[in-house]
Amino acid sequence: MADHLFVFANNKAGMDGVDRSKVNETIYELSKDSAFFKNSLEKDAKTDARIAEL
């Protein structure tokens, strides 16, 4: 899963006891078909490819 793409899921007030993996899974399930998420995955893949070239 692309946890590093979920930058908007920071710890917020009242979420100290919440399971982070469950939060990330929920965010992934709700956003996996969005154009924004697909574009983010493409950008991430390009960045990984550029890093591998170095």
Protein backbone atom coordinates (compact mmCIF):
# COMPACT_ATOMS: atom_id res chain seq x y z
CA MET A 1 0.00 0.00 0.00
CA ALA A 2 1.14 3.56 -0.63
CA ASP A 3 1.09 4.82 2.97
CA HIS A 4 3.54 7.59 2.19
CA LEU A 5 0.94 9.20 -0.08
CA PHE A 6 -1.44 9.76 2.83
CA VAL A 7 0.16 12.94 4.14
CA PHE A 8 -3.23 14.38 5.07
CA ALA A 9 -3.81 11.65 7.68
CA ASN A 10 -1.66 13.17 10.41
CA ASN A 11 -2.45 12.64 14.06
CA LYS A 12 -5.30 14.89 15.06
CA ALA A 13 -6.79 15.77 18.43
CA GLY A 14 -8.68 12.85 19.94
CA MET A 15 -7.07 10.22 17.69
CA ASP A 16 -4.42 8.96 20.10
CA GLY A 17 -5.90 5.47 20.43
CA VAL A 18 -6.86 4.99 16.78
CA ASP A 19 -5.26 2.17 14.80
CA ARG A 20 -3.15 3.89 12.09
CA SER A 21 -3.21 0.87 9.79
CA LYS A 22 -7.03 0.91 9.86
CA VAL A 23 -7.04 4.64 9.05
CA ASN A 24 -4.63 4.14 6.15
CA GLU A 25 -6.62 1.18 4.85
CA THR A 26 -9.85 3.21 4.96
CA ILE A 27 -8.26 6.16 3.17
CA TYR A 28 -6.85 3.83 0.52
CA GLU A 29 -10.18 2.10 -0.07
CA LEU A 30 -12.02 5.40 -0.41
CA SER A 31 -9.50 7.07 -2.69
CA LYS A 32 -8.01 4.27 -4.81
CA ASP A 33 -10.26 4.95 -7.81
CA SER A 34 -9.86 8.73 -7.83
CA ALA A 35 -7.97 10.53 -10.56
CA PHE A 36 -5.90 12.36 -7.93
CA PHE A 37 -4.74 9.10 -6.35
CA LYS A 38 -3.89 7.53 -9.72
CA ASN A 39 -1.90 10.63 -10.66
CA SER A 40 -0.07 10.51 -7.32
CA LEU A 41 0.86 6.87 -7.94
CA GLU A 42 2.20 7.74 -11.40
CA LYS A 43 4.28 10.60 -9.98
CA ASP A 44 5.56 8.30 -7.24
CA ALA A 45 6.58 5.67 -9.79
CA LYS A 46 8.42 8.29 -11.87
CA THR A 47 10.25 9.52 -8.79
CA ASP A 48 11.23 5.97 -7.83
CA ALA A 49 12.53 5.38 -11.36
CA ARG A 50 14.62 8.56 -11.23
CA ILE A 51 16.05 7.55 -7.85
CA ALA A 52 16.92 4.10 -9.20
CA GLU A 53 18.87 5.73 -12.05
CA LEU A 54 21.09 7.54 -9.56
